[in-house]
Amino acid sequence: MLLKKIVIAEDDDAIAHMVNMSLGDAGFLCLRARDGDEALKLVKAHDPDLLVLDVMMPRVDGLEVARRLKADVMWSRTPILMLTALATTDDQVAGLEAGADSYMAKPFDLREMGARVKALIRSARRERDRNPTTNLPGSRAIDEEIEGALKSGKPTAVVHVDILNFDSYSDSLGIARSEDTVRNLGAWLLEAARASSGGGAFVGHIGGSDFIAVL
């Protein structure tokens, strides 16, 4: 499995080193940017899983970096964690409105930062992998869920539902109505799986007709 990449945009060498060491020890590949302009170039060159972004930086500040990335269709889904000494409510609101997905004030706890980084990456990856028809998680998220269930050692059941001849059904019914049918089937399967597992089920959708439930 490829290492998840993180761009750390921080002009303070001591803080950048501390964040780099902490996330590096957690298994991430960290790339350092010393100003906002360099941060933008690194994000576009390496397509990282996350951007850790300081606000007060030379050349281009963190707020402007966030605005530019979120306005760019190619990079708008890159999650942004802002780390900054600006800790007032107004500062946090400004950061979130600029495009930050999470905001932490300095000084910060490294364990909390690590947990937020993992949560943001996990959420972003699942969002990117969602099936456009049903809005359910797609194949990569399903693989990760099954892998996690097997590693946990807990009793686990996997249910695979394949809608036979769906293409011909779609041709006869029309794309819009057939998509509604699949979406409703996905929602029903999710509720049924949750009911049978006491609320702990995961349901994903692969391609046009395959559903997988992990109970």
C-alpha atoms as a PDB file:
ATOM      1  CA  MET A   1       0.000   0.000   0.000  1.00  0.00           C
ATOM      2  CA  LEU A   2       1.356   3.459  -0.952  1.00  0.00           C
ATOM      3  CA  LEU A   3       2.140   5.872   1.844  1.00  0.00           C
ATOM      4  CA  LYS A   4      -0.399   8.641   2.288  1.00  0.00           C
ATOM      5  CA  LYS A   5       1.157  11.991   1.412  1.00  0.00           C
ATOM      6  CA  ILE A   6       0.777  15.156   3.472  1.00  0.00           C
ATOM      7  CA  VAL A   7       1.973  18.642   2.564  1.00  0.00           C
ATOM      8  CA  ILE A   8       2.986  20.638   5.652  1.00  0.00           C
ATOM      9  CA  ALA A   9       2.895  24.374   4.922  1.00  0.00           C
ATOM     10  CA  GLU A  10       4.658  26.001   7.887  1.00  0.00           C
ATOM     11  CA  ASP A  11       7.345  28.712   7.914  1.00  0.00           C
ATOM     12  CA  ASP A  12       8.457  27.990  11.492  1.00  0.00           C
ATOM     13  CA  ASP A  13      11.195  25.342  11.264  1.00  0.00           C
ATOM     14  CA  ALA A  14      10.690  24.026  14.815  1.00  0.00           C
ATOM     15  CA  ILE A  15       6.939  23.508  14.405  1.00  0.00           C
ATOM     16  CA  ALA A  16       7.354  22.034  10.933  1.00  0.00           C
ATOM     17  CA  HIS A  17       9.952  19.574  12.234  1.00  0.00           C
ATOM     18  CA  MET A  18       7.715  18.552  15.151  1.00  0.00           C
ATOM     19  CA  VAL A  19       4.691  17.980  12.900  1.00  0.00           C
ATOM     20  CA  ASN A  20       6.821  16.174  10.315  1.00  0.00           C
ATOM     21  CA  MET A  21       8.316  13.837  12.920  1.00  0.00           C
ATOM     22  CA  SER A  22       4.938  13.077  14.509  1.00  0.00           C
ATOM     23  CA  LEU A  23       3.144  12.329  11.228  1.00  0.00           C
ATOM     24  CA  GLY A  24       6.190  10.547   9.811  1.00  0.00           C
ATOM     25  CA  ASP A  25       6.223   8.213  12.813  1.00  0.00           C
ATOM     26  CA  ALA A  26       2.533   7.544  12.127  1.00  0.00           C
ATOM     27  CA  GLY A  27       3.382   6.313   8.629  1.00  0.00           C
ATOM     28  CA  PHE A  28       2.766   9.392   6.487  1.00  0.00           C
ATOM     29  CA  LEU A  29       5.075  10.764   3.784  1.00  0.00           C
ATOM     30  CA  CYS A  30       5.478  14.472   4.599  1.00  0.00           C
ATOM     31  CA  LEU A  31       6.456  17.227   2.155  1.00  0.00           C
ATOM     32  CA  ARG A  32       7.471  20.631   3.537  1.00  0.00           C
ATOM     33  CA  ALA A  33       6.430  24.024   2.145  1.00  0.00           C
ATOM     34  CA  ARG A  34       7.890  27.182   3.682  1.00  0.00           C
ATOM     35  CA  ASP A  35       5.383  29.640   2.237  1.00  0.00           C
ATOM     36  CA  GLY A  36       1.944  29.694   0.648  1.00  0.00           C
ATOM     37  CA  ASP A  37       3.191  29.822  -2.923  1.00  0.00           C
ATOM     38  CA  GLU A  38       5.317  26.718  -2.379  1.00  0.00           C
ATOM     39  CA  ALA A  39       2.352  24.994  -0.717  1.00  0.00           C
ATOM     40  CA  LEU A  40       0.186  25.545  -3.803  1.00  0.00           C
ATOM     41  CA  LYS A  41       2.926  24.179  -6.074  1.00  0.00           C
ATOM     42  CA  LEU A  42       3.462  21.074  -3.911  1.00  0.00           C
ATOM     43  CA  VAL A  43      -0.262  20.293  -3.746  1.00  0.00           C
ATOM     44  CA  LYS A  44      -0.607  20.531  -7.524  1.00  0.00           C
ATOM     45  CA  ALA A  45       2.573  18.535  -8.157  1.00  0.00           C
ATOM     46  CA  HIS A  46       1.976  15.705  -5.681  1.00  0.00           C
ATOM     47  CA  ASP A  47      -1.823  15.539  -5.160  1.00  0.00           C
ATOM     48  CA  PRO A  48      -1.500  14.909  -1.384  1.00  0.00           C
ATOM     49  CA  ASP A  49      -4.086  13.244   0.835  1.00  0.00           C
ATOM     50  CA  LEU A  50      -4.046  16.265   3.172  1.00  0.00           C
ATOM     51  CA  LEU A  51      -2.668  19.787   3.526  1.00  0.00           C
ATOM     52  CA  VAL A  52      -1.563  20.952   6.983  1.00  0.00           C
ATOM     53  CA  LEU A  53      -1.679  24.722   6.600  1.00  0.00           C
ATOM     54  CA  ASP A  54      -0.379  27.596   8.699  1.00  0.00           C
ATOM     55  CA  VAL A  55      -2.195  30.926   8.312  1.00  0.00           C
ATOM     56  CA  MET A  56       0.557  33.518   8.747  1.00  0.00           C
ATOM     57  CA  MET A  57       3.068  32.684   6.010  1.00  0.00           C
ATOM     58  CA  PRO A  58       5.215  34.684   3.577  1.00  0.00           C
ATOM     59  CA  ARG A  59       4.222  35.459  -0.038  1.00  0.00           C
ATOM     60  CA  VAL A  60       0.725  33.908   0.105  1.00  0.00           C
ATOM     61  CA  ASP A  61      -1.021  33.496   3.457  1.00  0.00           C
ATOM     62  CA  GLY A  62      -2.890  30.364   4.486  1.00  0.00           C
ATOM     63  CA  LEU A  63      -6.348  31.835   4.004  1.00  0.00           C
ATOM     64  CA  GLU A  64      -5.577  32.694   0.396  1.00  0.00           C
ATOM     65  CA  VAL A  65      -4.046  29.241  -0.190  1.00  0.00           C
ATOM     66  CA  ALA A  66      -7.256  27.627   1.072  1.00  0.00           C
ATOM     67  CA  ARG A  67      -9.437  29.895  -1.084  1.00  0.00           C
ATOM     68  CA  ARG A  68      -7.451  29.126  -4.241  1.00  0.00           C
ATOM     69  CA  LEU A  69      -7.498  25.374  -3.691  1.00  0.00           C
ATOM     70  CA  LYS A  70     -11.205  25.201  -2.909  1.00  0.00           C
ATOM     71  CA  ALA A  71     -11.981  27.328  -5.981  1.00  0.00           C
ATOM     72  CA  ASP A  72     -10.011  24.971  -8.244  1.00  0.00           C
ATOM     73  CA  VAL A  73     -12.078  22.003  -9.421  1.00  0.00           C
ATOM     74  CA  MET A  74      -8.934  19.818  -9.566  1.00  0.00           C
ATOM     75  CA  TRP A  75      -7.926  20.396  -5.932  1.00  0.00           C
ATOM     76  CA  SER A  76     -11.142  21.401  -4.182  1.00  0.00           C
ATOM     77  CA  ARG A  77     -11.437  17.999  -2.507  1.00  0.00           C
ATOM     78  CA  THR A  78      -8.011  18.171  -0.876  1.00  0.00           C
ATOM     79  CA  PRO A  79      -8.752  18.267   2.880  1.00  0.00           C
ATOM     80  CA  ILE A  80      -7.148  21.150   4.789  1.00  0.00           C
ATOM     81  CA  LEU A  81      -6.187  21.182   8.455  1.00  0.00           C
ATOM     82  CA  MET A  82      -5.248  24.688   9.620  1.00  0.00           C
ATOM     83  CA  LEU A  83      -2.701  25.026  12.420  1.00  0.00           C
ATOM     84  CA  THR A  84      -2.324  28.615  13.595  1.00  0.00           C
ATOM     85  CA  ALA A  85      -1.642  30.891  16.552  1.00  0.00           C
ATOM     86  CA  LEU A  86      -4.774  32.860  15.639  1.00  0.00           C
ATOM     87  CA  ALA A  87      -7.210  31.306  18.085  1.00  0.00           C
ATOM     88  CA  THR A  88     -10.208  33.638  18.420  1.00  0.00           C
ATOM     89  CA  THR A  89     -13.654  32.617  17.229  1.00  0.00           C
ATOM     90  CA  ASP A  90     -13.447  35.183  14.417  1.00  0.00           C
ATOM     91  CA  ASP A  91     -10.138  33.659  13.286  1.00  0.00           C
ATOM     92  CA  GLN A  92     -11.607  30.159  13.251  1.00  0.00           C
ATOM     93  CA  VAL A  93     -14.668  31.326  11.324  1.00  0.00           C
ATOM     94  CA  ALA A  94     -12.417  33.052   8.775  1.00  0.00           C
ATOM     95  CA  GLY A  95     -10.359  29.890   8.358  1.00  0.00           C
ATOM     96  CA  LEU A  96     -13.360  27.633   7.901  1.00  0.00           C
ATOM     97  CA  GLU A  97     -15.037  30.050   5.502  1.00  0.00           C
ATOM     98  CA  ALA A  98     -11.820  30.220   3.456  1.00  0.00           C
ATOM     99  CA  GLY A  99     -12.017  26.456   2.962  1.00  0.00           C
ATOM    100  CA  ALA A 100     -10.375  24.740   5.942  1.00  0.00           C
ATOM    101  CA  ASP A 101     -11.990  21.421   6.854  1.00  0.00           C
ATOM    102  CA  SER A 102     -10.649  21.527  10.414  1.00  0.00           C
ATOM    103  CA  TYR A 103      -8.898  24.138  12.563  1.00  0.00           C
ATOM    104  CA  MET A 104      -6.447  23.776  15.442  1.00  0.00           C
ATOM    105  CA  ALA A 105      -4.915  26.596  17.478  1.00  0.00           C
ATOM    106  CA  LYS A 106      -1.247  26.607  18.541  1.00  0.00           C
ATOM    107  CA  PRO A 107      -0.042  25.206  20.850  1.00  0.00           C
ATOM    108  CA  PHE A 108      -1.755  21.918  20.004  1.00  0.00           C
ATOM    109  CA  ASP A 109      -1.653  18.330  21.187  1.00  0.00           C
ATOM    110  CA  LEU A 110       0.163  16.042  18.756  1.00  0.00           C
ATOM    111  CA  ARG A 111      -2.152  13.120  19.510  1.00  0.00           C
ATOM    112  CA  GLU A 112      -5.218  15.210  18.710  1.00  0.00           C
ATOM    113  CA  MET A 113      -3.591  16.474  15.530  1.00  0.00           C
ATOM    114  CA  GLY A 114      -2.793  12.908  14.456  1.00  0.00           C
ATOM    115  CA  ALA A 115      -6.366  11.798  15.107  1.00  0.00           C
ATOM    116  CA  ARG A 116      -7.769  14.717  13.121  1.00  0.00           C
ATOM    117  CA  VAL A 117      -5.401  14.041  10.229  1.00  0.00           C
ATOM    118  CA  LYS A 118      -6.501  10.409  10.018  1.00  0.00           C
ATOM    119  CA  ALA A 119     -10.189  11.329  10.279  1.00  0.00           C
ATOM    120  CA  LEU A 120      -9.944  13.959   7.540  1.00  0.00           C
ATOM    121  CA  ILE A 121      -8.109  11.606   5.172  1.00  0.00           C
ATOM    122  CA  ARG A 122     -10.552   8.780   5.863  1.00  0.00           C
ATOM    123  CA  SER A 123     -13.554  11.029   5.247  1.00  0.00           C
ATOM    124  CA  ALA A 124     -12.097  12.537   2.061  1.00  0.00           C
ATOM    125  CA  ARG A 125     -11.205   9.162   0.566  1.00  0.00           C
ATOM    126  CA  ARG A 126     -14.677   7.781   1.182  1.00  0.00           C
ATOM    127  CA  GLU A 127     -16.254  10.905  -0.292  1.00  0.00           C
ATOM    128  CA  ARG A 128     -14.169  10.623  -3.459  1.00  0.00           C
ATOM    129  CA  ASP A 129     -15.069   6.964  -3.818  1.00  0.00           C
ATOM    130  CA  ARG A 130     -18.844   7.362  -3.481  1.00  0.00           C
ATOM    131  CA  ASN A 131     -21.063   5.959  -6.202  1.00  0.00           C
ATOM    132  CA  PRO A 132     -22.752   8.870  -8.026  1.00  0.00           C
ATOM    133  CA  THR A 133     -26.048   6.981  -8.376  1.00  0.00           C
ATOM    134  CA  THR A 134     -26.655   5.922  -4.777  1.00  0.00           C
ATOM    135  CA  ASN A 135     -24.142   8.113  -2.888  1.00  0.00           C
ATOM    136  CA  LEU A 136     -22.964   4.962  -1.104  1.00  0.00           C
ATOM    137  CA  PRO A 137     -19.227   4.239  -0.593  1.00  0.00           C
ATOM    138  CA  GLY A 138     -17.507   2.582  -3.549  1.00  0.00           C
ATOM    139  CA  SER A 139     -15.089  -0.289  -4.051  1.00  0.00           C
ATOM    140  CA  ARG A 140     -12.026   1.139  -2.247  1.00  0.00           C
ATOM    141  CA  ALA A 141     -14.051   1.961   0.870  1.00  0.00           C
ATOM    142  CA  ILE A 142     -15.585  -1.525   0.765  1.00  0.00           C
ATOM    143  CA  ASP A 143     -12.132  -3.121   0.597  1.00  0.00           C
ATOM    144  CA  GLU A 144     -10.946  -1.064   3.573  1.00  0.00           C
ATOM    145  CA  GLU A 145     -14.051  -1.932   5.605  1.00  0.00           C
ATOM    146  CA  ILE A 146     -13.662  -5.659   4.953  1.00  0.00           C
ATOM    147  CA  GLU A 147      -9.930  -5.509   5.722  1.00  0.00           C
ATOM    148  CA  GLY A 148     -10.618  -3.707   9.002  1.00  0.00           C
ATOM    149  CA  ALA A 149     -13.322  -6.192   9.970  1.00  0.00           C
ATOM    150  CA  LEU A 150     -11.024  -9.153   9.328  1.00  0.00           C
ATOM    151  CA  LYS A 151      -8.179  -7.578  11.301  1.00  0.00           C
ATOM    152  CA  SER A 152     -10.461  -6.872  14.252  1.00  0.00           C
ATOM    153  CA  GLY A 153     -11.189 -10.589  14.727  1.00  0.00           C
ATOM    154  CA  LYS A 154     -14.866  -9.883  15.403  1.00  0.00           C
ATOM    155  CA  PRO A 155     -17.571 -12.099  13.892  1.00  0.00           C
ATOM    156  CA  THR A 156     -18.268 -10.641  10.454  1.00  0.00           C
ATOM    157  CA  ALA A 157     -20.653 -11.436   7.614  1.00  0.00           C
ATOM    158  CA  VAL A 158     -20.359 -10.130   4.059  1.00  0.00           C
ATOM    159  CA  VAL A 159     -23.442 -10.075   1.814  1.00  0.00           C
ATOM    160  CA  HIS A 160     -23.060  -9.587  -1.958  1.00  0.00           C
ATOM    161  CA  VAL A 161     -26.162  -8.582  -3.928  1.00  0.00           C
ATOM    162  CA  ASP A 162     -25.954  -8.598  -7.733  1.00  0.00           C
ATOM    163  CA  ILE A 163     -28.869  -7.231  -9.764  1.00  0.00           C
ATOM    164  CA  LEU A 164     -29.050  -9.555 -12.758  1.00  0.00           C
ATOM    165  CA  ASN A 165     -29.784  -8.129 -16.209  1.00  0.00           C
ATOM    166  CA  PHE A 166     -29.789  -4.568 -14.892  1.00  0.00           C
ATOM    167  CA  ASP A 167     -28.545  -3.089 -18.163  1.00  0.00           C
ATOM    168  CA  SER A 168     -31.518  -4.397 -20.115  1.00  0.00           C
ATOM    169  CA  TYR A 169     -33.825  -3.276 -17.297  1.00  0.00           C
ATOM    170  CA  SER A 170     -32.308   0.194 -17.494  1.00  0.00           C
ATOM    171  CA  ASP A 171     -32.712   0.321 -21.273  1.00  0.00           C
ATOM    172  CA  SER A 172     -36.390  -0.521 -21.051  1.00  0.00           C
ATOM    173  CA  LEU A 173     -37.221   1.728 -18.090  1.00  0.00           C
ATOM    174  CA  GLY A 174     -35.049   4.736 -18.828  1.00  0.00           C
ATOM    175  CA  ILE A 175     -31.883   5.948 -17.121  1.00  0.00           C
ATOM    176  CA  ALA A 176     -33.513   8.356 -14.659  1.00  0.00           C
ATOM    177  CA  ARG A 177     -36.115   5.879 -13.378  1.00  0.00           C
ATOM    178  CA  SER A 178     -33.622   3.022 -13.217  1.00  0.00           C
ATOM    179  CA  GLU A 179     -31.191   5.140 -11.183  1.00  0.00           C
ATOM    180  CA  ASP A 180     -33.998   5.957  -8.750  1.00  0.00           C
ATOM    181  CA  THR A 181     -34.695   2.236  -8.437  1.00  0.00           C
ATOM    182  CA  VAL A 182     -31.055   1.424  -7.692  1.00  0.00           C
ATOM    183  CA  ARG A 183     -30.791   4.315  -5.212  1.00  0.00           C
ATOM    184  CA  ASN A 184     -33.890   3.125  -3.364  1.00  0.00           C
ATOM    185  CA  LEU A 185     -32.600  -0.443  -3.344  1.00  0.00           C
ATOM    186  CA  GLY A 186     -29.328   0.743  -1.845  1.00  0.00           C
ATOM    187  CA  ALA A 187     -31.157   2.662   0.876  1.00  0.00           C
ATOM    188  CA  TRP A 188     -33.329  -0.363   1.650  1.00  0.00           C
ATOM    189  CA  LEU A 189     -30.327  -2.687   1.825  1.00  0.00           C
ATOM    190  CA  LEU A 190     -28.551  -0.288   4.189  1.00  0.00           C
ATOM    191  CA  GLU A 191     -31.531  -0.137   6.550  1.00  0.00           C
ATOM    192  CA  ALA A 192     -32.026  -3.906   6.420  1.00  0.00           C
ATOM    193  CA  ALA A 193     -28.337  -4.536   7.142  1.00  0.00           C
ATOM    194  CA  ARG A 194     -28.373  -2.109  10.063  1.00  0.00           C
ATOM    195  CA  ALA A 195     -31.468  -3.727  11.492  1.00  0.00           C
ATOM    196  CA  SER A 196     -29.940  -7.204  11.308  1.00  0.00           C
ATOM    197  CA  SER A 197     -26.642  -6.113  12.869  1.00  0.00           C
ATOM    198  CA  GLY A 198     -27.928  -3.789  15.560  1.00  0.00           C
ATOM    199  CA  GLY A 199     -26.868  -0.638  13.725  1.00  0.00           C
ATOM    200  CA  GLY A 200     -23.251  -1.519  12.932  1.00  0.00           C
ATOM    201  CA  ALA A 201     -23.555  -2.325   9.230  1.00  0.00           C
ATOM    202  CA  PHE A 202     -21.621  -0.887   6.289  1.00  0.00           C
ATOM    203  CA  VAL A 203     -23.037  -0.948   2.759  1.00  0.00           C
ATOM    204  CA  GLY A 204     -21.208  -0.027  -0.441  1.00  0.00           C
ATOM    205  CA  HIS A 205     -22.106   0.084  -4.124  1.00  0.00           C
ATOM    206  CA  ILE A 206     -19.845  -1.121  -6.953  1.00  0.00           C
ATOM    207  CA  GLY A 207     -20.528  -0.231 -10.564  1.00  0.00           C
ATOM    208  CA  GLY A 208     -24.123  -0.248 -11.701  1.00  0.00           C
ATOM    209  CA  SER A 209     -25.551  -3.268  -9.933  1.00  0.00           C
ATOM    210  CA  ASP A 210     -23.390  -4.767  -7.163  1.00  0.00           C
ATOM    211  CA  PHE A 211     -24.000  -4.033  -3.489  1.00  0.00           C
ATOM    212  CA  ILE A 212     -21.873  -5.375  -0.636  1.00  0.00           C
ATOM    213  CA  ALA A 213     -22.934  -5.241   3.004  1.00  0.00           C
ATOM    214  CA  VAL A 214     -20.507  -5.888   5.887  1.00  0.00           C
ATOM    215  CA  LEU A 215     -22.314  -6.827   9.099  1.00  0.00           C
END
